[in-house]
């Protein structure tokens, strides 16, 4: 059974920020009910208290639904909730007018005035702040706040509230709604920024793959372009000579065969160079890429003296593990350690913030196991406790070597 901690750690950073933002506005609703509705139960007579609590609960529920739909609209998951915004405005106005009317024409007493006055100001502040989630431009948000503040003064004055008290109400609503509107705008900006940064990281990873494919294509073009042109030219010449019965046609076809064999060898060299990874270069590249992505990376170990085939296999482990950290994890720190003993070399890549960095059965890790099998190596990948993920590659060494481990 998944607990709250596991559920939270399983979310990406943007999903965590979105969840936090949503529940922050639900928390504002809870504060509204706790600070205005519940105290009324002990301040006024039960019948009136029940009506006040019902009003604030209805208003809080409409605020919660509006906030959720407005955030969905902000993320592009639904259309702008215009009807919910108008509904919230209407419910807010109705509750505010009812609170002022009860305070002025209902049962007298300081307790009733305090309860209804607090309800009046709070519903206007929370209502205006939540409504600003459903608009994009600052001018419109400012208009909503100013409109609620001005409306509070007009309603209060029209229902018999003295002018100084009505003016104080306007100032209170203006400041409170303005602060909550600023919080709403900042929350939306932060949420959108986090999602954009996450999309940029995904784009960067895809561009890195595309750039490598283009490099490989350019290398093949450089190798094959000229040779294929020569083969085509000499084949055409051989055809013309053969039609005329000239013996030079055989020589041209022999030359075509030689060029074709040379091209085949050159293509194998290109592919071999593409598939072989230099371990030192991969370690330096991993550190640079992770650091650029805001992930603190520590690399330790010395690659000097390792056989080329071992470096190539381990280089691919570093490359694949780094890609997984960038694309699937939510890491803040990554360590890459290379340990060389007399009998074997062990490469360990460990990162925190793991949520989907490869469960050990992905195609990437399966490909690494195949590469390591070619050098009698083994690969282990899995959780290392808490939210850490560890990839360990072990390759035996054919000759005796001294222990070498230097921190860089």
Protein backbone atom coordinates (compact mmCIF):
# COMPACT_ATOMS: atom_id res chain seq x y z
CA UNK A 1 0.00 0.00 0.00
CA UNK A 2 1.37 3.38 -0.96
CA UNK A 3 1.71 5.82 1.90
CA UNK A 4 1.59 9.63 1.73
CA UNK A 5 5.39 9.86 1.65
CA UNK A 6 5.68 7.41 -1.24
CA UNK A 7 2.84 9.17 -3.07
CA UNK A 8 4.56 12.53 -2.67
CA UNK A 9 8.00 11.26 -3.72
CA UNK A 10 6.50 9.61 -6.77
CA UNK A 11 5.51 13.00 -8.18
CA UNK A 12 7.68 15.12 -10.45
CA UNK A 13 8.75 18.57 -9.35
CA UNK A 14 6.06 20.33 -11.46
CA UNK A 15 3.41 17.95 -10.10
CA UNK A 16 4.56 18.70 -6.54
CA UNK A 17 4.35 22.44 -7.12
CA UNK A 18 0.89 22.07 -8.66
CA UNK A 19 -0.34 19.94 -5.76
CA UNK A 20 1.07 22.44 -3.27
CA UNK A 21 -0.60 25.33 -5.11
CA UNK A 22 -3.98 23.63 -5.25
CA UNK A 23 -3.98 22.71 -1.58
CA UNK A 24 -2.81 26.20 -0.63
CA UNK A 25 -6.04 27.65 -2.01
CA UNK A 26 -8.07 24.88 -0.37
CA UNK A 27 -6.28 25.86 2.85
CA UNK A 28 -7.43 29.45 2.39
CA UNK A 29 -10.99 28.14 2.24
CA UNK A 30 -10.42 26.13 5.41
CA UNK A 31 -9.06 29.24 7.12
CA UNK A 32 -12.16 31.17 6.05
CA UNK A 33 -14.45 28.59 7.62
CA UNK A 34 -12.31 28.18 10.75
CA UNK A 35 -11.87 31.90 11.46
CA UNK A 36 -15.33 33.17 10.56
CA UNK A 37 -17.85 30.33 10.59
CA UNK A 38 -16.86 28.25 13.60
CA UNK A 39 -16.38 31.13 16.07
CA UNK A 40 -19.95 32.24 15.35
CA UNK A 41 -21.20 29.09 17.06
CA UNK A 42 -20.05 30.47 20.40
CA UNK A 43 -20.85 34.12 19.79
CA UNK A 44 -24.50 34.25 18.73
CA UNK A 45 -27.61 32.23 19.33
CA UNK A 46 -27.66 28.74 17.70
CA UNK A 47 -30.20 29.50 14.96
CA UNK A 48 -28.31 32.53 13.66
CA UNK A 49 -24.97 30.80 14.11
CA UNK A 50 -26.16 27.89 12.00
CA UNK A 51 -27.17 30.23 9.19
CA UNK A 52 -23.82 32.04 9.29
CA UNK A 53 -21.87 28.77 9.24
CA UNK A 54 -23.98 27.51 6.33
CA UNK A 55 -23.32 30.69 4.34
CA UNK A 56 -19.57 30.59 4.87
CA UNK A 57 -19.42 26.86 4.03
CA UNK A 58 -21.35 27.39 0.79
CA UNK A 59 -19.06 30.26 -0.14
CA UNK A 60 -15.95 28.21 0.73
CA UNK A 61 -17.13 25.28 -1.38
CA UNK A 62 -17.74 27.51 -4.41
CA UNK A 63 -14.28 29.06 -3.89
CA UNK A 64 -12.62 25.63 -3.80
CA UNK A 65 -14.30 24.47 -7.01
CA UNK A 66 -13.52 27.75 -8.77
CA UNK A 67 -9.86 27.63 -7.73
CA UNK A 68 -9.49 24.05 -8.98
CA UNK A 69 -11.06 24.82 -12.35
CA UNK A 70 -9.12 28.06 -12.73
CA UNK A 71 -5.83 26.22 -12.17
CA UNK A 72 -6.89 23.61 -14.75
CA UNK A 73 -7.54 26.46 -17.18
CA UNK A 74 -4.15 27.94 -16.38
CA UNK A 75 -2.51 24.66 -17.35
CA UNK A 76 -4.57 24.45 -20.56
CA UNK A 77 -6.65 21.44 -19.46
CA UNK A 78 -10.06 23.11 -19.79
CA UNK A 79 -11.67 26.29 -21.04
CA UNK A 80 -11.78 29.40 -18.90
CA UNK A 81 -14.38 28.77 -16.14
CA UNK A 82 -16.41 31.88 -16.88
CA UNK A 83 -19.63 30.49 -15.40
CA UNK A 84 -17.90 29.48 -12.18
CA UNK A 85 -16.34 32.94 -11.91
CA UNK A 86 -19.76 34.58 -12.25
CA UNK A 87 -21.22 32.07 -9.81
CA UNK A 88 -18.51 32.85 -7.28
CA UNK A 89 -19.08 36.58 -7.74
CA UNK A 90 -22.81 36.15 -7.22
CA UNK A 91 -22.45 33.92 -4.15
CA UNK A 92 -19.87 36.29 -2.66
CA UNK A 93 -22.14 39.29 -3.17
CA UNK A 94 -25.17 37.47 -1.75
CA UNK A 95 -23.33 36.29 1.37
CA UNK A 96 -21.79 39.73 1.92
CA UNK A 97 -25.16 41.53 1.59
CA UNK A 98 -26.82 39.01 3.89
CA UNK A 99 -24.10 39.47 6.50
CA UNK A 100 -24.45 43.27 6.48
CA UNK A 101 -28.24 43.07 6.58
CA UNK A 102 -28.14 40.70 9.55
CA UNK A 103 -25.69 42.96 11.34
CA UNK A 104 -27.82 46.08 10.81
CA UNK A 105 -31.36 44.72 11.00
CA UNK A 106 -31.04 41.43 12.80
CA UNK A 107 -30.62 40.70 16.52
CA UNK A 108 -28.56 43.39 18.18
CA UNK A 109 -25.42 42.98 20.22
CA UNK A 110 -21.70 43.35 19.83
CA UNK A 111 -21.29 39.60 19.25
CA UNK A 112 -23.62 39.71 16.25
CA UNK A 113 -21.85 42.77 14.82
CA UNK A 114 -18.46 41.09 15.22
CA UNK A 115 -19.59 37.84 13.60
CA UNK A 116 -21.37 39.45 10.66
CA UNK A 117 -18.66 42.06 10.14
CA UNK A 118 -15.95 39.39 10.02
CA UNK A 119 -18.03 37.29 7.62
CA UNK A 120 -18.67 40.29 5.36
CA UNK A 121 -15.00 41.27 5.00
CA UNK A 122 -13.63 37.73 4.78
CA UNK A 123 -15.92 36.46 2.02
CA UNK A 124 -15.12 39.54 -0.06
CA UNK A 125 -11.36 39.15 0.41
CA UNK A 126 -11.31 35.41 -0.31
CA UNK A 127 -13.81 35.71 -3.17
CA UNK A 128 -11.82 38.44 -4.91
CA UNK A 129 -8.53 36.59 -4.45
CA UNK A 130 -9.88 33.34 -5.89
CA UNK A 131 -11.55 35.12 -8.81
CA UNK A 132 -8.21 36.59 -9.89
CA UNK A 133 -7.03 33.02 -10.58
CA UNK A 134 -9.47 32.96 -13.50
CA UNK A 135 -8.06 36.05 -15.26
CA UNK A 136 -4.68 36.49 -16.93
CA UNK A 137 -3.97 40.19 -17.19
CA UNK A 138 -2.94 42.27 -14.20
CA UNK A 139 -5.33 45.05 -15.21
CA UNK A 140 -8.30 42.70 -14.99
CA UNK A 141 -7.12 41.33 -11.66
CA UNK A 142 -6.76 44.88 -10.35
CA UNK A 143 -10.25 45.67 -11.60
CA UNK A 144 -11.67 42.68 -9.73
CA UNK A 145 -9.99 43.73 -6.49
CA UNK A 146 -10.99 47.38 -6.85
CA UNK A 147 -14.54 46.41 -7.76
CA UNK A 148 -14.96 44.22 -4.69
CA UNK A 149 -13.50 46.94 -2.45
CA UNK A 150 -15.72 49.68 -3.89
CA UNK A 151 -18.77 47.40 -3.81
CA UNK A 152 -18.18 46.58 -0.15
CA UNK A 153 -18.28 50.27 0.75
CA UNK A 154 -21.41 50.99 -1.30
CA UNK A 155 -23.30 47.98 0.08
CA UNK A 156 -22.32 48.75 3.65
CA UNK A 157 -23.28 52.42 3.34
CA UNK A 158 -26.56 51.60 1.57
CA UNK A 159 -27.59 49.21 4.36
CA UNK A 160 -27.02 51.75 7.07
CA UNK A 161 -23.41 51.35 8.08
CA UNK A 162 -21.86 54.69 9.15
CA UNK A 163 -19.59 56.33 6.59
CA UNK A 164 -16.32 55.93 8.61
CA UNK A 165 -17.04 52.23 9.13
CA UNK A 166 -17.91 51.82 5.44
CA UNK A 167 -14.64 53.52 4.45
CA UNK A 168 -12.68 51.28 6.81
CA UNK A 169 -14.36 48.30 5.18
CA UNK A 170 -13.24 49.49 1.74
CA UNK A 171 -9.63 49.81 2.89
CA UNK A 172 -9.68 46.42 4.62
CA UNK A 173 -11.11 44.62 1.59
CA UNK A 174 -8.76 46.44 -0.78
CA UNK A 175 -5.64 45.47 1.19
CA UNK A 176 -6.74 41.91 1.96
CA UNK A 177 -8.00 41.15 -1.54
CA UNK A 178 -4.93 42.80 -3.07
CA UNK A 179 -2.57 40.60 -1.06
CA UNK A 180 -4.52 37.45 -1.91
CA UNK A 181 -4.69 38.47 -5.59
CA UNK A 182 -0.92 38.97 -5.60
CA UNK A 183 -0.52 35.50 -4.06
CA UNK A 184 -2.75 34.05 -6.77
CA UNK A 185 -0.82 35.72 -9.59
CA UNK A 186 2.54 34.68 -8.16
CA UNK A 187 1.36 31.09 -7.65
CA UNK A 188 0.20 30.83 -11.26
CA UNK A 189 3.47 32.36 -12.52
CA UNK A 190 5.54 29.97 -10.42
CA UNK A 191 3.52 26.94 -11.54
CA UNK A 192 3.83 27.84 -15.23
CA UNK A 193 7.55 28.55 -14.86
CA UNK A 194 8.24 25.18 -13.25
CA UNK A 195 6.40 23.36 -16.02
CA UNK A 196 8.25 25.36 -18.68
CA UNK A 197 11.61 24.53 -17.11
CA UNK A 198 10.70 20.85 -17.02
CA UNK A 199 9.67 20.96 -20.68
CA UNK A 200 12.93 22.75 -21.53
CA UNK A 201 14.91 19.98 -19.86
CA UNK A 202 13.04 17.34 -21.85
CA UNK A 203 13.64 19.34 -25.02
CA UNK A 204 17.34 19.60 -24.27
CA UNK A 205 17.59 15.83 -23.87
CA UNK A 206 15.80 15.27 -27.18
CA UNK A 207 18.03 17.81 -28.91
CA UNK A 208 21.13 16.03 -27.60
CA UNK A 209 19.90 12.78 -29.15
CA UNK A 210 19.02 14.53 -32.41
CA UNK A 211 22.43 16.21 -32.53
CA UNK A 212 24.18 12.87 -32.10
CA UNK A 213 22.11 11.39 -34.92
CA UNK A 214 23.00 14.32 -37.17
CA UNK A 215 26.68 13.87 -36.35
CA UNK A 216 26.49 10.22 -37.24
CA UNK A 217 24.67 11.06 -40.47
CA UNK A 218 27.31 13.64 -41.41
CA UNK A 219 30.08 11.13 -40.77
CA UNK A 220 28.39 8.54 -42.98
CA UNK A 221 27.81 11.13 -45.69
CA UNK A 222 31.45 12.17 -45.63
CA UNK A 223 32.59 8.55 -45.89
CA UNK A 224 30.04 7.23 -48.40
CA UNK A 225 29.22 10.27 -50.53
CA UNK A 226 32.44 10.43 -52.54
CA UNK A 227 32.89 6.65 -52.76
CA UNK A 228 29.34 6.06 -53.99
CA UNK A 229 29.78 8.74 -56.62
CA UNK A 230 32.98 7.06 -57.84
CA UNK A 231 31.32 3.64 -57.85
CA UNK A 232 28.40 4.97 -59.90
CA UNK A 233 30.75 6.65 -62.39
CA UNK A 234 33.02 3.63 -62.83
CA UNK A 235 30.06 1.23 -63.10
CA UNK A 236 28.59 3.36 -65.89
CA UNK A 237 31.99 3.40 -67.62
CA UNK A 238 32.27 -0.39 -67.27
CA UNK A 239 28.83 -0.81 -68.87
CA UNK A 240 29.81 1.32 -71.84
CA UNK A 241 33.10 -0.53 -72.26
CA UNK A 242 31.39 -3.91 -72.00
CA UNK A 243 28.90 -2.98 -74.71
CA UNK A 244 31.79 -2.14 -77.02
CA UNK A 245 33.57 -5.36 -76.13
CA UNK A 246 36.53 -3.57 -74.56
CA UNK A 247 38.61 -5.59 -72.03
CA UNK A 248 39.08 -2.48 -69.86
CA UNK A 249 35.53 -3.12 -68.51
CA UNK A 250 36.94 -5.87 -66.28
CA UNK A 251 39.52 -3.50 -64.82
CA UNK A 252 36.84 -0.93 -64.06
CA UNK A 253 34.69 -3.51 -62.28
CA UNK A 254 37.69 -4.66 -60.25
CA UNK A 255 38.20 -1.04 -59.23
CA UNK A 256 34.50 -0.80 -58.31
CA UNK A 257 34.89 -3.91 -56.15
CA UNK A 258 37.93 -2.45 -54.42
CA UNK A 259 36.17 0.85 -53.68
CA UNK A 260 33.10 -0.99 -52.38
CA UNK A 261 35.25 -3.06 -50.01
CA UNK A 262 37.07 0.06 -48.85
CA UNK A 263 33.74 1.81 -48.24
CA UNK A 264 32.53 -1.14 -46.22
CA UNK A 265 35.65 -0.96 -44.05
CA UNK A 266 35.28 2.80 -43.56
CA UNK A 267 31.62 2.43 -42.55
CA UNK A 268 32.62 -0.19 -39.98
CA UNK A 269 35.21 2.25 -38.60
CA UNK A 270 32.60 5.00 -38.33
CA UNK A 271 30.12 2.73 -36.59
CA UNK A 272 32.83 1.41 -34.27
CA UNK A 273 33.82 4.94 -33.35
CA UNK A 274 30.19 5.82 -32.77
CA UNK A 275 29.53 2.82 -30.57
CA UNK A 276 32.74 3.01 -28.58
CA UNK A 277 32.66 5.54 -25.75
CA UNK A 278 35.72 7.00 -24.07
CA UNK A 279 35.20 6.67 -20.31
CA UNK A 280 37.13 9.80 -19.36
CA UNK A 281 35.25 11.92 -21.87
CA UNK A 282 31.93 10.47 -20.74
CA UNK A 283 32.69 11.23 -17.07
CA UNK A 284 33.61 14.82 -17.86
CA UNK A 285 30.59 15.19 -20.13
CA UNK A 286 28.22 13.77 -17.49
CA UNK A 287 29.52 16.19 -14.89
CA UNK A 288 29.12 19.14 -17.24
CA UNK A 289 25.62 18.21 -18.41
CA UNK A 290 24.30 17.50 -14.91
CA UNK A 291 25.81 20.68 -13.51
CA UNK A 292 24.23 22.70 -16.31
CA UNK A 293 20.88 21.11 -15.41
CA UNK A 294 21.23 22.34 -11.81
CA UNK A 295 22.21 18.93 -10.42
CA UNK A 296 25.30 18.87 -8.22
CA UNK A 297 27.57 16.15 -9.61
CA UNK A 298 30.65 14.64 -7.95
CA UNK A 299 32.98 12.42 -9.99
CA UNK A 300 35.74 10.31 -8.48
CA UNK A 301 38.11 7.75 -9.95
CA UNK A 302 40.92 7.40 -12.49
CA UNK A 303 40.48 5.86 -15.94
CA UNK A 304 44.14 5.63 -16.91
CA UNK A 305 45.34 2.17 -17.83
CA UNK A 306 41.94 0.58 -18.35
CA UNK A 307 41.52 -1.55 -21.50
CA UNK A 308 39.71 0.16 -24.36
CA UNK A 309 36.86 -2.34 -24.40
CA UNK A 310 36.29 -1.85 -20.65
CA UNK A 311 36.29 1.94 -21.01
CA UNK A 312 33.83 1.69 -23.89
CA UNK A 313 31.39 -0.51 -21.93
CA UNK A 314 31.58 1.64 -18.80
CA UNK A 315 31.34 4.82 -20.86
CA UNK A 316 27.98 3.65 -22.13
CA UNK A 317 26.88 3.00 -18.55
CA UNK A 318 27.75 6.59 -17.63
CA UNK A 319 25.96 7.91 -20.72
CA UNK A 320 22.76 5.93 -20.12
CA UNK A 321 22.68 6.62 -16.37
CA UNK A 322 23.16 10.34 -16.97
CA UNK A 323 20.33 10.36 -19.50
CA UNK A 324 18.03 8.62 -17.01
CA UNK A 325 18.85 11.14 -14.30
CA UNK A 326 18.06 14.03 -16.64
CA UNK A 327 14.91 12.66 -18.21
CA UNK A 328 13.21 10.57 -15.52
CA UNK A 329 14.42 11.70 -12.12
CA UNK A 330 14.06 14.73 -9.93
CA UNK A 331 17.63 14.76 -8.68
CA UNK A 332 19.46 17.47 -6.82
CA UNK A 333 22.70 15.52 -6.37
CA UNK A 334 24.46 12.76 -8.31
CA UNK A 335 27.70 10.92 -7.55
CA UNK A 336 29.78 8.92 -10.03
CA UNK A 337 32.50 6.76 -8.48
CA UNK A 338 35.04 4.61 -10.35
CA UNK A 339 37.01 2.14 -8.25
CA UNK A 340 39.83 0.04 -9.77
CA UNK A 341 41.33 -2.90 -7.87
CA UNK A 342 43.65 -5.71 -8.85
CA UNK A 343 40.80 -7.92 -10.03
CA UNK A 344 38.00 -5.69 -11.19
CA UNK A 345 36.71 -2.18 -11.87
CA UNK A 346 33.46 -0.98 -10.32
CA UNK A 347 31.48 2.00 -11.58
CA UNK A 348 28.70 3.37 -9.36
CA UNK A 349 26.23 6.08 -10.38
CA UNK A 350 23.87 7.17 -7.61
CA UNK A 351 21.35 10.01 -7.49
CA UNK A 352 18.63 11.26 -5.20
CA UNK A 353 15.14 12.36 -6.18
CA UNK A 354 14.48 9.03 -7.91
CA UNK A 355 10.93 8.39 -9.06
CA UNK A 356 11.36 6.62 -12.40
CA UNK A 357 15.06 6.43 -13.13
CA UNK A 358 14.77 2.98 -14.59
CA UNK A 359 13.47 0.04 -12.61
CA UNK A 360 16.14 -2.36 -13.84
CA UNK A 361 14.06 -3.73 -16.68
CA UNK A 362 14.03 -0.89 -19.16
CA UNK A 363 15.38 -1.19 -22.67
CA UNK A 364 18.26 1.16 -21.84
CA UNK A 365 19.47 -0.93 -18.91
CA UNK A 366 18.91 -4.12 -20.90
CA UNK A 367 21.20 -2.76 -23.63
CA UNK A 368 23.84 -1.92 -21.02
CA UNK A 369 23.73 -5.47 -19.69
CA UNK A 370 24.37 -6.76 -23.22
CA UNK A 371 27.40 -4.46 -23.61
CA UNK A 372 28.79 -5.50 -20.23
CA UNK A 373 28.26 -9.17 -21.00
CA UNK A 374 30.70 -8.77 -23.90
CA UNK A 375 33.45 -7.95 -21.35
CA UNK A 376 32.16 -10.45 -18.74
CA UNK A 377 30.70 -7.61 -16.70
CA UNK A 378 27.55 -7.32 -14.58
CA UNK A 379 25.03 -4.56 -13.99
CA UNK A 380 22.85 -3.91 -10.96
CA UNK A 381 20.22 -1.18 -10.83
CA UNK A 382 17.63 -0.36 -8.22
CA UNK A 383 16.63 1.63 -5.18
CA UNK A 384 19.33 2.44 -2.66
CA UNK A 385 16.99 3.54 0.11
CA UNK A 386 14.96 6.69 0.70
CA UNK A 387 14.61 8.33 -2.71
CA UNK A 388 18.01 7.30 -4.09
CA UNK A 389 18.64 5.19 -7.17
CA UNK A 390 21.90 3.37 -7.82
CA UNK A 391 23.43 1.81 -10.92
CA UNK A 392 26.49 -0.40 -10.34
CA UNK A 393 28.57 -1.89 -13.16
CA UNK A 394 31.30 -4.44 -12.37
CA UNK A 395 33.86 -5.56 -14.94
CA UNK A 396 36.72 -8.02 -14.21
CA UNK A 397 40.23 -7.02 -15.26
CA UNK A 398 42.40 -9.53 -17.13
CA UNK A 399 45.68 -8.38 -15.61
CA UNK A 400 46.88 -7.30 -12.20
CA UNK A 401 46.50 -3.60 -11.59
CA UNK A 402 47.16 -1.33 -8.68
CA UNK A 403 44.41 0.38 -6.77
CA UNK A 404 43.76 3.81 -8.28
CA UNK A 405 41.08 6.17 -7.10
CA UNK A 406 41.52 9.93 -7.30
CA UNK A 407 38.83 12.51 -6.61
CA UNK A 408 38.32 15.06 -9.37
